[in-house]
Each structure stands twice: as C-alpha cells, then as structure tokens.
Amino acid sequence: MNRNEFLLLVGLVFVLGGCTMAPKYTRPEAPIPGNWPSGPAYRESGPTTPTSDAAQLKRQEFFSDEKLLRVIEMALQNNRDLRLATLNVQRARALYGIQRAELFPVVNAVASGGKQRVPADLSTTGKAAIVEQYGVDLGLSSWEIDFFGRIRSLADQAREEYLATEQARRSAQILLVSEVANAYLLLAADRENLALANTTLETQQAAYDLVEKRFDRGLVSELDLHRAQTQVDAAKVDVARLTQAVALDENALNLLVGAQVPDALAPADLNSIQPLKELSPGVSSDVLLLRPDILQAEAILKAANANIGAARAAFFPRISLTAAIGTGSAELSGLFKSGSGTWSYAPQIVMPIFDSRMWSALKVTEVDKKSAIAQYEKAIQTAFREVADALAVRGMVDKQISAQESLVHAAAETYRLSDARYIKGIDSYLSVLDAQRSLYGAQQQLVALRLARLANQVRLYAVLGGGWQSEPKAHAAHDSIEGHQEH
C-alpha cells in the first residue's frame, strides 16, 4: 500500500462513519390546549405587547425604572448562582468537545533512535556488532472507525446535554431577574408600609394626647384613655415589625445582587417605581415551546434519543485501525534518503457474540427516553399552568385594587366623621377605634394589592420567557455548533 492508497482509505473511513443508528427524532405533541383559558377571571387582551414579542422584549423596555434596571444589571454581573450556571455551560461544552474528538484519529509524530552492541553468539554473522536504528513515524493508534455511529451518537448526546446546560443558564438568568425585581418591589412595599405605620403612630399618639387631656378634665372615662393607649402600642409594634422587615428585605436583595445595593438605588415606596410594560398572552399557547426550561427538557430528550443509537451500535462489530508512515535507517544521516520510507497498518475487528448486558443497556436507554418524554410534557404543562395563573391574577387584580381604593376612601371618611362626632361628644371613642383599625387595615391591604399587581407583571414576563432572546449571545450555543448537526 502506497501513501495515496493509505490516504484514500482514511478518507473513505470518514465518509462511511457519518451515520448513526439513533431513532429519527420527532417532537412530542404538546399536552396542553392550543389556546389560553378563558372565563370570568380572565380579561380580554388590550393594546399590549403580544406574547410573540415577549421573549425578545429587552429588559430596558420592560423595566422602565432606571434604578431597578441598574440593580438587575448588578445582579447579572455579581450573582454567584448565575456565575455557577455559566461555568456549568463552559464545562458541558468542554465535555462535548472531548466526546466529539473521539470521532477523529489521534495522530502522533514519533522520533526514535537506538544503538546497541550485539555479542557474537547472538549475532547472525557470528561476530560481535554495533547495531544502530533510527526512525521517524507519523501514525495513529487504535482509532475506532465509527461505521455504525456509536461514537457519533455519543457525541450527539453530549451535544444535546451541552445545549440543555445552556438553556438551564438562560432559565437561571430569567429566574434571577424576576427574583431581583420581586425583592426590589417587596422592599418598596415594606418601606411604604413602614411610612404608613409611622404616620398612623403619629395620628394615634395625637389622639391619645387629646384623650388624655380630656380625661384630666374629667370629660372622658378611664376606659377611653386605655383604648387610645392600645392603638398607640399596636402602632409601635407595627413600626418595629416593619423596620425589621425592611432590614430583612435589604439583606435578601443584597444577596441576590451579590453586592451591596447603594442607598441611592433603593426604592422609597411603590409609587416611586416607574410602571412596568403591559404584556398580552396572544392567542396560541405554542409560544411556550420557546421557553428556555422547555428547550432544556427537549434537549435532554434528544440526548436520550441519541443514546439509543449508541446502545444499538454496540450490537455491531467495532473496527479499529492502527497505522503509521515514516522513515527508518540504520544511520542517522540516512533517515531521509530515497528508499528509507516505511509504513504499517493493523486493522482490528471485534464482533460481539454473546453479552446479555447489551440488551439490558438498550432497554435502559429506551426507558430513559420515555422518562425524558414525560419530563418534557410535564415541563410544558407546568409552563401552561404558570402563564394561566398569571393571567388569572392579571384579570382580577385591577378590579380588586379599584374596590380597595374605594374601601380606603370610605374608611377614611368613616374615621373622619367618627372622630368629629367623638370630639363633639355625640359618639363614644369605641367608634373612633373601629374606624381607625378599619382604615389602617384597608390601607395596608391596598399596598399589598398594588405589590401583587406589579409582582404578577414580573411573573408574566418571566413565565413567557421574557428577555433572554434579546441577549447579544442568545443563540451562541447553537451558532457555535452549527456545522455539527445530525446526519
């Protein structure tokens, strides 16, 4: 065999090794309705951003508040969980590179030389001799020729696992953005509640001072004095509790961000935060298939499908090749002279005859694929439920806020009138206490509903896969392996 014939053989091996025995992949049917749920809890979509654009909507467009956006950017740079997710992607990509490299031969250049004395009784000439041997070879050792696609299937499996890890990183990023936004909103709500509690305490203290003066003049009973004192003490308890809650909120936000959030970026209350962009779910639920967590589940399914090909290929012969070309000479100066060329090749075929483990291994891969299908379908169902829940909250929260605002107004008027009647001696202080408690509770509930509305907007943005496709490197994982598609 000359050199040209050797290179032709290697090229033929590459061509024949481009097939796999993996089943043809077919995406399972999505086990969810084609449309979003409807009913009294769901309002019709208004002039809002369609779902098809939600994944491409930039964070700068959805989070219009400059301070909140800067806090989110800090978290994306400093959060350790996201950093670990990114490192996992790099590790999975390297593992994929290792597995794919198994398709190609390992070529080594080897230079050798030796010199030895052969005694007379071992020499073919009957005389002692000094023997020299030098050689330079370029060759490959035990290269498995992938005729039946075993190695290629394993490479495809590693590739899909790498893509699944990349999608996991994107899911982690979406989760981080939503968690930071929610922590920021909760801090704003608790600060607003703390301001409300301080205002209530001032009002209760002023009322107590008034009751105390009237008690000193004998105009009211001691019972009214103690009733007023209970309201002051209750307000003090709320101030202490909410002061603690604000501190805990700040600690939680700092942990998510991975750094100390400057006071200048912290929110004063919910009113100080710019409104978030409204989103609409559109009509079809097929957009869920673009969510990173669902793409991750599908990549895991594809990996399981490729692994079946490797298990099937194990039933067929394994062909390996060891070959080398080079030059050799008994003298160092003659290494590259005419006629010093050398070559060798040693193919090997291993044919499995009986190994009961292979049937069990094939069964394992088939069960793994069924499990991956179930997990993929469950991921879609979970995503549908998350969006449906967010839509139900969106459909009713505005009505709740409107009713609560009316309730706060009515409670404020009740308190004003009760206080006026008490001052004029027409009514007892018990009516004032009831009115104060009702007003304070209604104000707190209004803050909670406004927080729920903003948090639900963030949740809807997250469960629709918001923002990740707008990243400059959103498709980097796919682009980097564009030429490595399945045959």
Protein backbone atom coordinates (compact mmCIF):
# COMPACT_ATOMS: atom_id res chain seq x y z
CA MET A 1 0.00 0.00 0.00
CA ASN A 2 1.45 3.34 -1.04
CA ARG A 3 0.81 6.66 0.61
CA ASN A 4 -2.02 7.67 -1.74
CA GLU A 5 -3.85 4.42 -1.08
CA PHE A 6 -3.48 4.99 2.65
CA LEU A 7 -4.93 8.50 2.47
CA LEU A 8 -7.79 7.20 0.30
CA LEU A 9 -8.61 4.60 2.94
CA VAL A 10 -8.68 7.24 5.66
CA GLY A 11 -10.99 9.45 3.59
CA LEU A 12 -13.32 6.54 2.91
CA VAL A 13 -13.50 5.81 6.62
CA PHE A 14 -14.58 9.40 7.34
CA VAL A 15 -17.34 9.19 4.74
CA LEU A 16 -18.68 5.85 5.93
CA GLY A 17 -18.52 6.92 9.57
CA GLY A 18 -21.11 9.67 9.18
CA CYS A 19 -24.26 7.70 10.04
CA THR A 20 -25.99 6.86 13.30
CA MET A 21 -28.46 4.20 14.39
CA ALA A 22 -30.41 6.58 16.63
CA PRO A 23 -34.18 6.71 16.02
CA LYS A 24 -35.39 9.66 14.00
CA TYR A 25 -36.33 12.37 16.47
CA THR A 26 -39.91 13.62 16.44
CA ARG A 27 -41.03 16.32 18.86
CA PRO A 28 -43.89 15.02 21.06
CA GLU A 29 -47.27 16.68 20.86
CA ALA A 30 -47.73 19.42 23.44
CA PRO A 31 -50.19 18.04 26.04
CA ILE A 32 -51.92 21.40 26.56
CA PRO A 33 -54.83 23.26 24.95
CA GLY A 34 -54.00 25.30 21.87
CA ASN A 35 -55.46 28.47 23.42
CA TRP A 36 -55.19 30.13 26.80
CA PRO A 37 -58.02 29.61 29.31
CA SER A 38 -60.96 31.99 29.30
CA GLY A 39 -63.69 32.82 31.76
CA PRO A 40 -64.74 35.41 34.32
CA ALA A 41 -61.22 35.54 35.84
CA TYR A 42 -59.52 36.35 32.53
CA ARG A 43 -59.88 39.70 30.88
CA GLU A 44 -59.56 40.28 27.19
CA SER A 45 -56.20 41.43 25.87
CA GLY A 46 -55.97 45.15 25.37
CA PRO A 47 -53.42 47.27 23.49
CA THR A 48 -50.44 45.49 24.99
CA THR A 49 -47.32 43.73 23.78
CA PRO A 50 -48.06 40.33 22.15
CA THR A 51 -46.52 37.20 23.62
CA SER A 52 -44.59 36.56 20.43
CA ASP A 53 -42.51 39.63 21.26
CA ALA A 54 -42.20 38.97 24.99
CA ALA A 55 -39.13 36.76 24.67
CA GLN A 56 -37.44 39.40 22.52
CA LEU A 57 -38.53 42.33 24.67
CA LYS A 58 -35.43 43.92 26.14
CA ARG A 59 -35.18 44.39 29.88
CA GLN A 60 -34.70 48.10 29.27
CA GLU A 61 -38.15 48.20 27.66
CA PHE A 62 -40.00 46.14 30.24
CA PHE A 63 -38.30 47.56 33.34
CA SER A 64 -38.63 51.25 32.63
CA ASP A 65 -37.48 52.25 36.12
CA GLU A 66 -33.82 53.25 35.83
CA LYS A 67 -32.91 52.37 39.43
CA LEU A 68 -34.48 48.92 39.27
CA LEU A 69 -32.77 48.24 35.95
CA ARG A 70 -29.38 49.16 37.38
CA VAL A 71 -29.93 46.83 40.33
CA ILE A 72 -30.82 44.00 37.92
CA GLU A 73 -27.68 44.64 35.88
CA MET A 74 -25.62 44.49 39.08
CA ALA A 75 -27.17 41.11 39.88
CA LEU A 76 -26.41 39.75 36.42
CA GLN A 77 -22.76 40.64 36.94
CA ASN A 78 -22.33 39.57 40.56
CA ASN A 79 -24.83 36.82 41.43
CA ARG A 80 -22.92 33.65 42.30
CA ASP A 81 -25.67 31.21 41.30
CA LEU A 82 -25.74 32.66 37.79
CA ARG A 83 -21.95 32.54 37.72
CA LEU A 84 -22.05 28.84 38.59
CA ALA A 85 -24.63 28.23 35.86
CA THR A 86 -22.32 29.91 33.36
CA LEU A 87 -19.39 27.77 34.48
CA ASN A 88 -21.54 24.66 34.09
CA VAL A 89 -22.16 25.66 30.47
CA GLN A 90 -18.44 26.02 29.85
CA ARG A 91 -17.80 22.63 31.44
CA ALA A 92 -20.54 20.94 29.37
CA ARG A 93 -19.14 22.49 26.21
CA ALA A 94 -15.68 21.16 27.00
CA LEU A 95 -17.09 17.68 27.67
CA TYR A 96 -18.88 17.81 24.34
CA GLY A 97 -15.58 18.70 22.67
CA ILE A 98 -13.90 15.71 24.31
CA GLN A 99 -16.64 13.31 23.18
CA ARG A 100 -16.75 14.65 19.64
CA ALA A 101 -12.97 14.35 19.38
CA GLU A 102 -13.42 10.58 19.67
CA LEU A 103 -14.59 10.65 16.04
CA PHE A 104 -11.18 11.70 14.83
CA PRO A 105 -7.90 9.81 15.00
CA VAL A 106 -5.17 10.82 17.37
CA VAL A 107 -2.12 11.43 15.20
CA ASN A 108 1.29 11.41 16.82
CA ALA A 109 4.74 12.09 15.47
CA VAL A 110 7.34 9.79 16.99
CA ALA A 111 11.10 10.04 16.57
CA SER A 112 13.18 7.16 17.88
CA GLY A 113 16.78 6.09 17.88
CA GLY A 114 18.83 3.33 19.38
CA LYS A 115 22.30 1.90 19.47
CA GLN A 116 23.34 -1.43 20.97
CA ARG A 117 26.13 -4.00 20.96
CA VAL A 118 25.15 -7.49 19.88
CA PRO A 119 27.52 -10.23 21.15
CA ALA A 120 28.94 -12.77 18.72
CA ASP A 121 26.80 -15.69 19.87
CA LEU A 122 23.64 -13.64 19.23
CA SER A 123 24.75 -12.04 16.01
CA THR A 124 23.62 -13.55 12.70
CA THR A 125 27.14 -13.09 11.35
CA GLY A 126 28.82 -14.85 14.26
CA LYS A 127 30.73 -11.71 15.11
CA ALA A 128 30.07 -9.01 17.67
CA ALA A 129 28.49 -5.94 16.11
CA ILE A 130 27.28 -2.47 16.96
CA VAL A 131 23.68 -2.07 15.70
CA GLU A 132 22.09 1.34 15.16
CA GLN A 133 18.48 2.08 14.24
CA TYR A 134 16.75 5.41 13.73
CA GLY A 135 13.19 6.21 12.68
CA VAL A 136 10.64 9.00 12.31
CA ASP A 137 6.97 7.97 12.11
CA LEU A 138 3.62 9.71 11.78
CA GLY A 139 0.78 7.43 12.83
CA LEU A 140 -2.40 6.74 14.70
CA SER A 141 -3.09 4.13 17.35
CA SER A 142 -6.27 2.10 17.92
CA TRP A 143 -8.58 4.53 16.17
CA GLU A 144 -12.15 3.21 16.24
CA ILE A 145 -13.76 3.67 12.83
CA ASP A 146 -17.33 4.65 13.53
CA PHE A 147 -19.08 2.63 10.80
CA PHE A 148 -22.24 2.12 12.87
CA GLY A 149 -22.39 5.53 14.55
CA ARG A 150 -21.71 4.54 18.15
CA ILE A 151 -19.26 7.35 18.79
CA ARG A 152 -21.28 9.82 16.74
CA SER A 153 -24.39 9.01 18.80
CA LEU A 154 -22.43 9.59 22.00
CA ALA A 155 -21.19 12.90 20.56
CA ASP A 156 -24.76 13.90 19.70
CA GLN A 157 -25.79 13.02 23.24
CA ALA A 158 -23.02 15.20 24.67
CA ARG A 159 -24.00 17.99 22.30
CA GLU A 160 -27.62 17.96 23.47
CA GLU A 161 -26.54 17.84 27.11
CA TYR A 162 -24.40 20.89 26.44
CA LEU A 163 -27.38 22.70 24.87
CA ALA A 164 -29.54 21.68 27.83
CA THR A 165 -26.99 23.25 30.18
CA GLU A 166 -27.03 26.44 28.12
CA GLN A 167 -30.82 26.58 28.35
CA ALA A 168 -30.55 25.97 32.10
CA ARG A 169 -28.32 29.02 32.35
CA ARG A 170 -30.89 31.11 30.50
CA SER A 171 -33.63 29.84 32.81
CA ALA A 172 -31.46 30.76 35.78
CA GLN A 173 -30.99 34.24 34.36
CA ILE A 174 -34.73 34.76 33.87
CA LEU A 175 -35.36 33.49 37.41
CA LEU A 176 -32.69 35.81 38.80
CA VAL A 177 -34.13 38.85 37.03
CA SER A 178 -37.63 38.09 38.34
CA GLU A 179 -36.36 37.39 41.88
CA VAL A 180 -34.39 40.64 41.98
CA ALA A 181 -37.39 42.59 40.70
CA ASN A 182 -39.70 40.96 43.24
CA ALA A 183 -37.26 41.58 46.09
CA TYR A 184 -36.97 45.20 44.98
CA LEU A 185 -40.77 45.57 44.88
CA LEU A 186 -41.16 43.90 48.28
CA LEU A 187 -38.63 46.32 49.77
CA ALA A 188 -40.58 49.22 48.28
CA ALA A 189 -43.88 47.87 49.65
CA ASP A 190 -42.47 47.31 53.15
CA ARG A 191 -40.95 50.80 53.17
CA GLU A 192 -44.34 52.18 52.18
CA ASN A 193 -45.99 50.15 54.94
CA LEU A 194 -43.38 51.43 57.39
CA ALA A 195 -44.12 55.02 56.39
CA LEU A 196 -47.84 54.27 56.79
CA ALA A 197 -47.22 52.77 60.23
CA ASN A 198 -45.20 55.83 61.31
CA THR A 199 -47.97 58.13 60.10
CA THR A 200 -50.54 56.01 61.93
CA LEU A 201 -48.43 56.11 65.07
CA GLU A 202 -48.26 59.90 64.91
CA THR A 203 -52.03 60.08 64.44
CA GLN A 204 -52.66 57.64 67.30
CA GLN A 205 -50.26 59.50 69.57
CA ALA A 206 -52.00 62.79 68.82
CA ALA A 207 -55.38 61.15 69.53
CA TYR A 208 -54.07 59.72 72.77
CA ASP A 209 -52.76 63.12 73.88
CA LEU A 210 -56.17 64.62 73.18
CA VAL A 211 -57.97 61.86 75.10
CA GLU A 212 -55.53 62.24 77.98
CA LYS A 213 -56.26 65.98 78.24
CA ARG A 214 -59.98 65.32 78.21
CA PHE A 215 -59.51 62.61 80.84
CA ASP A 216 -57.59 65.03 83.07
CA ARG A 217 -60.56 67.42 82.82
CA GLY A 218 -62.98 64.64 83.65
CA LEU A 219 -64.66 64.74 80.23
CA VAL A 220 -63.98 61.09 79.31
CA SER A 221 -63.67 57.85 81.21
CA GLU A 222 -60.51 55.94 82.01
CA LEU A 223 -61.72 53.27 79.57
CA ASP A 224 -61.37 55.68 76.63
CA LEU A 225 -57.86 56.53 77.78
CA HIS A 226 -56.80 52.87 77.81
CA ARG A 227 -58.48 52.24 74.46
CA ALA A 228 -56.45 55.07 72.96
CA GLN A 229 -53.31 53.64 74.58
CA THR A 230 -53.88 50.23 72.93
CA GLN A 231 -53.90 51.86 69.49
CA VAL A 232 -50.64 53.68 70.21
CA ASP A 233 -48.96 50.48 71.42
CA ALA A 234 -50.27 48.49 68.44
CA ALA A 235 -48.85 51.12 66.07
CA LYS A 236 -45.48 50.93 67.85
CA VAL A 237 -45.46 47.16 67.39
CA ASP A 238 -46.14 47.59 63.66
CA VAL A 239 -43.36 50.16 63.32
CA ALA A 240 -40.86 47.81 64.99
CA ARG A 241 -42.03 44.84 62.93
CA LEU A 242 -41.87 46.70 59.63
CA THR A 243 -38.49 48.23 60.47
CA GLN A 244 -37.23 44.67 60.90
CA ALA A 245 -38.93 43.58 57.66
CA VAL A 246 -37.25 46.39 55.71
CA ALA A 247 -33.84 45.33 57.06
CA LEU A 248 -34.50 41.70 56.06
CA ASP A 249 -35.65 42.81 52.61
CA GLU A 250 -32.45 44.78 52.14
CA ASN A 251 -30.36 41.75 53.16
CA ALA A 252 -32.25 39.49 50.74
CA LEU A 253 -31.82 41.95 47.89
CA ASN A 254 -28.10 42.30 48.59
CA LEU A 255 -27.69 38.51 48.49
CA LEU A 256 -29.47 38.25 45.14
CA VAL A 257 -27.45 41.11 43.69
CA GLY A 258 -24.21 39.67 45.05
CA ALA A 259 -23.10 43.09 46.26
CA GLN A 260 -24.26 45.93 48.47
CA VAL A 261 -27.04 47.87 46.78
CA PRO A 262 -26.34 51.61 47.13
CA ASP A 263 -28.94 53.59 49.07
CA ALA A 264 -29.38 55.83 46.05
CA LEU A 265 -30.76 52.87 44.07
CA ALA A 266 -33.12 51.61 46.79
CA PRO A 267 -36.83 52.41 46.33
CA ALA A 268 -38.70 54.75 48.64
CA ASP A 269 -42.12 53.21 48.03
CA LEU A 270 -44.19 51.63 45.27
CA ASN A 271 -45.24 54.99 43.90
CA SER A 272 -41.61 55.88 43.18
CA ILE A 273 -41.20 52.93 40.76
CA GLN A 274 -41.95 53.56 37.12
CA PRO A 275 -44.80 51.39 35.73
CA LEU A 276 -43.84 48.12 34.06
CA LYS A 277 -44.75 47.39 30.46
CA GLU A 278 -48.01 45.51 29.99
CA LEU A 279 -47.86 42.13 28.22
CA SER A 280 -50.52 40.11 26.47
CA PRO A 281 -50.51 36.29 26.08
CA GLY A 282 -51.64 36.46 22.46
CA VAL A 283 -53.81 33.63 21.19
CA SER A 284 -51.78 30.43 20.83
CA SER A 285 -50.05 28.60 23.66
CA ASP A 286 -47.38 27.27 21.26
CA VAL A 287 -45.11 30.14 22.29
CA LEU A 288 -44.33 28.16 25.44
CA LEU A 289 -42.13 25.89 23.34
CA LEU A 290 -39.63 28.76 23.17
CA ARG A 291 -39.17 28.93 26.95
CA PRO A 292 -35.61 28.01 27.98
CA ASP A 293 -36.73 25.41 30.52
CA ILE A 294 -38.83 23.65 27.87
CA LEU A 295 -35.97 23.85 25.37
CA GLN A 296 -33.79 22.35 28.10
CA ALA A 297 -36.22 19.46 28.59
CA GLU A 298 -36.33 18.89 24.83
CA ALA A 299 -32.53 18.87 24.62
CA ILE A 300 -32.45 16.21 27.36
CA LEU A 301 -34.99 14.23 25.34
CA LYS A 302 -32.82 14.50 22.23
CA ALA A 303 -29.81 13.34 24.26
CA ALA A 304 -31.74 10.26 25.40
CA ASN A 305 -32.77 9.62 21.81
CA ALA A 306 -29.13 9.77 20.65
CA ASN A 307 -28.07 7.43 23.43
CA ILE A 308 -30.34 4.75 21.96
CA GLY A 309 -28.24 4.91 18.80
CA ALA A 310 -25.10 4.22 20.80
CA ALA A 311 -26.75 1.25 22.53
CA ARG A 312 -27.91 -0.18 19.18
CA ALA A 313 -24.48 0.25 17.62
CA ALA A 314 -22.97 -1.80 20.44
CA PHE A 315 -24.51 -4.94 18.86
CA PHE A 316 -22.41 -4.50 15.73
CA PRO A 317 -18.69 -5.01 15.15
CA ARG A 318 -16.17 -2.45 16.29
CA ILE A 319 -13.46 -1.73 13.79
CA SER A 320 -10.24 -0.06 14.87
CA LEU A 321 -7.12 0.83 12.98
CA THR A 322 -3.51 1.31 13.94
CA ALA A 323 -1.34 2.71 11.15
CA ALA A 324 1.88 4.63 10.60
CA ILE A 325 4.02 6.04 7.83
CA GLY A 326 7.55 7.27 8.22
CA THR A 327 11.16 6.66 7.50
CA GLY A 328 13.84 4.44 9.04
CA SER A 329 17.54 3.83 8.66
CA ALA A 330 20.49 2.19 10.30
CA GLU A 331 22.27 5.50 10.19
CA LEU A 332 21.03 8.86 11.35
CA SER A 333 22.24 10.51 8.15
CA GLY A 334 20.22 8.07 6.04
CA LEU A 335 16.81 8.80 7.58
CA PHE A 336 15.54 10.91 4.71
CA LYS A 337 17.33 9.31 1.80
CA SER A 338 15.50 7.65 -1.05
CA GLY A 339 14.19 4.19 -0.22
CA SER A 340 14.07 4.73 3.56
CA GLY A 341 10.26 5.05 3.70
CA THR A 342 8.24 2.75 5.98
CA TRP A 343 4.55 2.09 6.51
CA SER A 344 2.37 -0.23 8.51
CA TYR A 345 -1.27 -0.75 9.24
CA ALA A 346 -3.11 -3.20 11.50
CA PRO A 347 -6.92 -3.19 11.36
CA GLN A 348 -8.86 -5.00 14.09
CA ILE A 349 -12.49 -6.14 14.18
CA VAL A 350 -14.23 -7.09 17.42
CA MET A 351 -17.55 -8.86 16.89
CA PRO A 352 -19.80 -9.25 19.95
CA ILE A 353 -21.10 -12.82 20.12
CA PHE A 354 -22.84 -13.03 23.48
CA ASP A 355 -23.19 -10.28 26.07
CA SER A 356 -26.58 -10.18 27.80
CA ARG A 357 -25.73 -6.80 29.31
CA MET A 358 -26.16 -5.13 25.93
CA TRP A 359 -29.87 -5.97 25.78
CA SER A 360 -30.38 -4.55 29.25
CA ALA A 361 -28.38 -1.47 28.29
CA LEU A 362 -30.61 -0.95 25.25
CA LYS A 363 -33.70 -1.31 27.42
CA VAL A 364 -32.31 1.28 29.84
CA THR A 365 -31.84 3.82 27.02
CA GLU A 366 -35.38 3.23 25.77
CA VAL A 367 -36.82 3.72 29.27
CA ASP A 368 -34.67 6.84 29.69
CA LYS A 369 -36.20 8.26 26.53
CA LYS A 370 -39.73 7.56 27.79
CA SER A 371 -38.85 9.28 31.07
CA ALA A 372 -37.45 12.26 29.16
CA ILE A 373 -40.69 12.48 27.14
CA ALA A 374 -42.72 12.52 30.36
CA GLN A 375 -40.48 15.22 31.84
CA TYR A 376 -40.73 17.27 28.64
CA GLU A 377 -44.53 17.05 28.65
CA LYS A 378 -44.65 17.89 32.36
CA ALA A 379 -42.47 20.96 31.74
CA ILE A 380 -44.95 22.17 29.09
CA GLN A 381 -47.93 21.56 31.37
CA THR A 382 -46.22 23.38 34.24
CA ALA A 383 -45.41 26.31 31.96
CA PHE A 384 -49.03 26.48 30.79
CA ARG A 385 -50.26 26.49 34.39
CA GLU A 386 -47.81 29.26 35.35
CA VAL A 387 -48.95 31.50 32.49
CA ALA A 388 -52.63 30.71 33.16
CA ASP A 389 -52.19 31.61 36.85
CA ALA A 390 -50.52 34.89 35.95
CA LEU A 391 -53.32 35.69 33.51
CA ALA A 392 -55.95 34.95 36.15
CA VAL A 393 -54.27 37.31 38.59
CA ARG A 394 -53.90 39.96 35.89
CA GLY A 395 -57.58 39.65 35.02
CA MET A 396 -58.81 40.32 38.55
CA VAL A 397 -56.16 42.34 40.38
CA ASP A 398 -57.16 45.67 38.82
CA LYS A 399 -60.74 45.18 39.95
CA GLN A 400 -59.54 44.32 43.44
CA ILE A 401 -57.37 47.45 43.55
CA SER A 402 -60.25 49.61 42.35
CA ALA A 403 -62.57 48.19 45.01
CA GLN A 404 -59.88 48.51 47.68
CA GLU A 405 -59.27 52.16 46.80
CA SER A 406 -62.98 52.79 47.21
CA LEU A 407 -62.85 50.95 50.54
CA VAL A 408 -59.93 53.08 51.74
CA HIS A 409 -61.79 56.25 50.80
CA ALA A 410 -64.92 55.07 52.64
CA ALA A 411 -62.87 54.04 55.68
CA ALA A 412 -61.12 57.43 55.73
CA GLU A 413 -64.46 59.24 55.65
CA THR A 414 -65.82 56.97 58.38
CA TYR A 415 -62.83 57.75 60.56
CA ARG A 416 -63.14 61.47 59.93
CA LEU A 417 -66.82 61.53 60.81
CA SER A 418 -66.38 59.26 63.85
CA ASP A 419 -63.60 61.46 65.18
CA ALA A 420 -65.71 64.59 64.67
CA ARG A 421 -68.70 63.00 66.44
CA TYR A 422 -66.46 61.95 69.34
CA ILE A 423 -64.98 65.41 69.75
CA LYS A 424 -68.49 66.88 69.88
CA GLY A 425 -69.49 64.29 72.45
CA ILE A 426 -72.10 62.68 70.21
CA ASP A 427 -70.44 59.24 69.96
CA SER A 428 -68.14 57.05 72.06
CA TYR A 429 -64.43 56.56 71.46
CA LEU A 430 -65.10 52.92 70.56
CA SER A 431 -66.46 54.04 67.18
CA VAL A 432 -63.28 56.03 66.59
CA LEU A 433 -61.14 52.97 67.40
CA ASP A 434 -63.09 50.76 65.00
CA ALA A 435 -62.82 53.37 62.27
CA GLN A 436 -59.05 53.73 62.86
CA ARG A 437 -58.47 49.98 62.69
CA SER A 438 -60.57 49.64 59.54
CA LEU A 439 -58.76 52.49 57.80
CA TYR A 440 -55.30 51.21 58.72
CA GLY A 441 -56.13 47.67 57.62
CA ALA A 442 -57.62 48.90 54.35
CA GLN A 443 -54.52 50.99 53.61
CA GLN A 444 -52.24 48.03 54.27
CA GLN A 445 -54.35 45.79 52.03
CA LEU A 446 -54.18 48.37 49.23
CA VAL A 447 -50.38 48.34 49.42
CA ALA A 448 -50.44 44.52 49.27
CA LEU A 449 -52.67 44.53 46.18
CA ARG A 450 -50.52 47.07 44.37
CA LEU A 451 -47.48 44.92 45.16
CA ALA A 452 -49.32 41.84 43.89
CA ARG A 453 -50.13 43.60 40.62
CA LEU A 454 -46.51 44.61 39.98
CA ALA A 455 -45.17 41.21 41.05
CA ASN A 456 -47.62 39.49 38.72
CA GLN A 457 -46.44 41.62 35.81
CA VAL A 458 -42.89 40.48 36.54
CA ARG A 459 -44.06 36.88 36.80
CA LEU A 460 -45.92 37.04 33.48
CA TYR A 461 -42.81 38.48 31.85
CA ALA A 462 -40.72 35.62 33.29
CA VAL A 463 -43.09 32.74 32.53
CA LEU A 464 -43.34 33.91 28.92
CA GLY A 465 -39.56 33.59 28.65
CA GLY A 466 -39.12 37.34 28.66
CA GLY A 467 -35.84 38.92 27.70
CA TRP A 468 -33.44 36.06 27.06
CA GLN A 469 -33.71 36.14 23.27
CA SER A 470 -32.76 39.82 23.29
CA GLU A 471 -29.28 39.00 24.60
CA PRO A 472 -26.45 39.52 22.09
CA LYS A 473 -25.29 35.95 22.70
CA ALA A 474 -28.71 34.38 22.88
CA HIS A 475 -28.02 31.89 20.11
CA ALA A 476 -24.28 31.50 20.73
CA ALA A 477 -24.68 27.87 21.76
CA HIS A 478 -26.43 26.99 18.51
CA ASP A 479 -24.11 29.08 16.37
CA SER A 480 -21.00 27.51 17.83
CA ILE A 481 -22.06 24.05 16.69
CA GLU A 482 -23.89 24.97 13.53
CA GLY A 483 -21.84 22.55 11.50
CA HIS A 484 -22.34 19.63 13.86
CA GLN A 485 -25.95 18.72 13.05
CA GLU A 486 -27.12 15.12 12.99
CA HIS A 487 -26.74 13.09 9.81
